[in-house]
Amino acid sequence: MTATLDNPLRYSSPPPLGAEELAVLALLADGLPIDAVARRLNLSKRTVQRRIRRICDRLDVHAPIQAVVWAARRELI
């Protein structure tokens, strides 16, 4: 499918991220490893890993850095 002036391609926006998910992305953006993110948020390492996986799935990206860039471009973090 190609876009035309009469029929532009519509891209659905990804679902909004919650405050907890944005907190994880903000700490990753600061360069903290998963262990440090877990300690800072008082979560287990496994919980942080699950949140990162869920964020990537929701945003349809393959790597956490892509999610960080997505949030930074939208000035969410």
Protein backbone atom coordinates (compact mmCIF):
# COMPACT_ATOMS: atom_id res chain seq x y z
CA MET A 1 0.00 0.00 0.00
CA THR A 2 1.32 3.41 -0.90
CA ALA A 3 0.33 6.81 0.37
CA THR A 4 -1.35 9.37 -1.88
CA LEU A 5 -2.66 12.83 -1.18
CA ASP A 6 -6.17 11.43 -1.10
CA ASN A 7 -5.31 8.39 0.98
CA PRO A 8 -2.34 8.94 3.32
CA LEU A 9 -1.06 5.95 5.23
CA ARG A 10 -2.36 5.93 8.75
CA TYR A 11 -0.04 4.78 11.48
CA SER A 12 -1.58 3.84 14.74
CA SER A 13 0.15 5.39 17.69
CA PRO A 14 1.55 3.00 20.25
CA PRO A 15 -0.28 2.70 23.53
CA PRO A 16 0.78 5.21 26.14
CA LEU A 17 3.34 4.09 28.67
CA GLY A 18 2.65 4.25 32.37
CA ALA A 19 4.69 6.13 34.95
CA GLU A 20 6.49 2.96 36.08
CA GLU A 21 7.48 2.11 32.52
CA LEU A 22 8.70 5.65 31.89
CA ALA A 23 10.73 5.49 35.11
CA VAL A 24 12.49 2.37 33.81
CA LEU A 25 13.22 4.08 30.48
CA ALA A 26 14.49 7.23 32.18
CA LEU A 27 16.96 5.24 34.27
CA LEU A 28 18.10 3.28 31.23
CA ALA A 29 18.56 6.59 29.42
CA ASP A 30 20.82 7.70 32.28
CA GLY A 31 23.00 4.70 31.49
CA LEU A 32 22.12 2.54 34.48
CA PRO A 33 22.36 -1.21 34.03
CA ILE A 34 19.34 -3.37 34.80
CA ASP A 35 20.70 -4.26 38.26
CA ALA A 36 20.95 -0.60 39.22
CA VAL A 37 17.51 0.18 37.78
CA ALA A 38 16.07 -2.62 39.91
CA ARG A 39 17.76 -1.31 43.06
CA ARG A 40 16.72 2.29 42.38
CA LEU A 41 13.07 1.30 41.85
CA ASN A 42 13.11 -1.29 44.64
CA LEU A 43 12.19 -4.07 42.22
CA SER A 44 13.70 -7.41 41.37
CA LYS A 45 15.98 -7.67 38.37
CA ARG A 46 13.50 -10.06 36.79
CA THR A 47 10.63 -7.55 37.20
CA VAL A 48 12.69 -4.87 35.46
CA GLN A 49 13.53 -7.28 32.64
CA ARG A 50 9.83 -8.10 32.21
CA ARG A 51 8.93 -4.40 32.14
CA ILE A 52 11.56 -3.75 29.51
CA ARG A 53 10.27 -6.65 27.41
CA ARG A 54 6.69 -5.39 27.79
CA ILE A 55 7.71 -1.84 26.82
CA CYS A 56 9.49 -3.13 23.71
CA ASP A 57 6.48 -5.25 22.78
CA ARG A 58 4.07 -2.35 23.22
CA LEU A 59 6.22 -0.02 21.14
CA ASP A 60 7.01 -2.73 18.59
CA VAL A 61 10.77 -2.23 18.91
CA HIS A 62 13.49 -4.83 19.20
CA ALA A 63 15.89 -3.29 21.72
CA PRO A 64 15.54 -1.23 24.90
CA ILE A 65 17.62 1.58 23.38
CA GLN A 66 14.98 1.97 20.68
CA ALA A 67 12.34 2.40 23.39
CA VAL A 68 14.53 4.97 25.14
CA VAL A 69 14.94 6.92 21.89
CA TRP A 70 11.18 6.71 21.24
CA ALA A 71 10.40 8.17 24.67
CA ALA A 72 13.12 10.83 24.44
CA ARG A 73 11.90 12.04 21.03
CA ARG A 74 8.46 12.50 22.49
CA GLU A 75 9.94 14.30 25.51
CA LEU A 76 8.47 11.72 27.89
CA ILE A 77 11.78 11.22 29.68
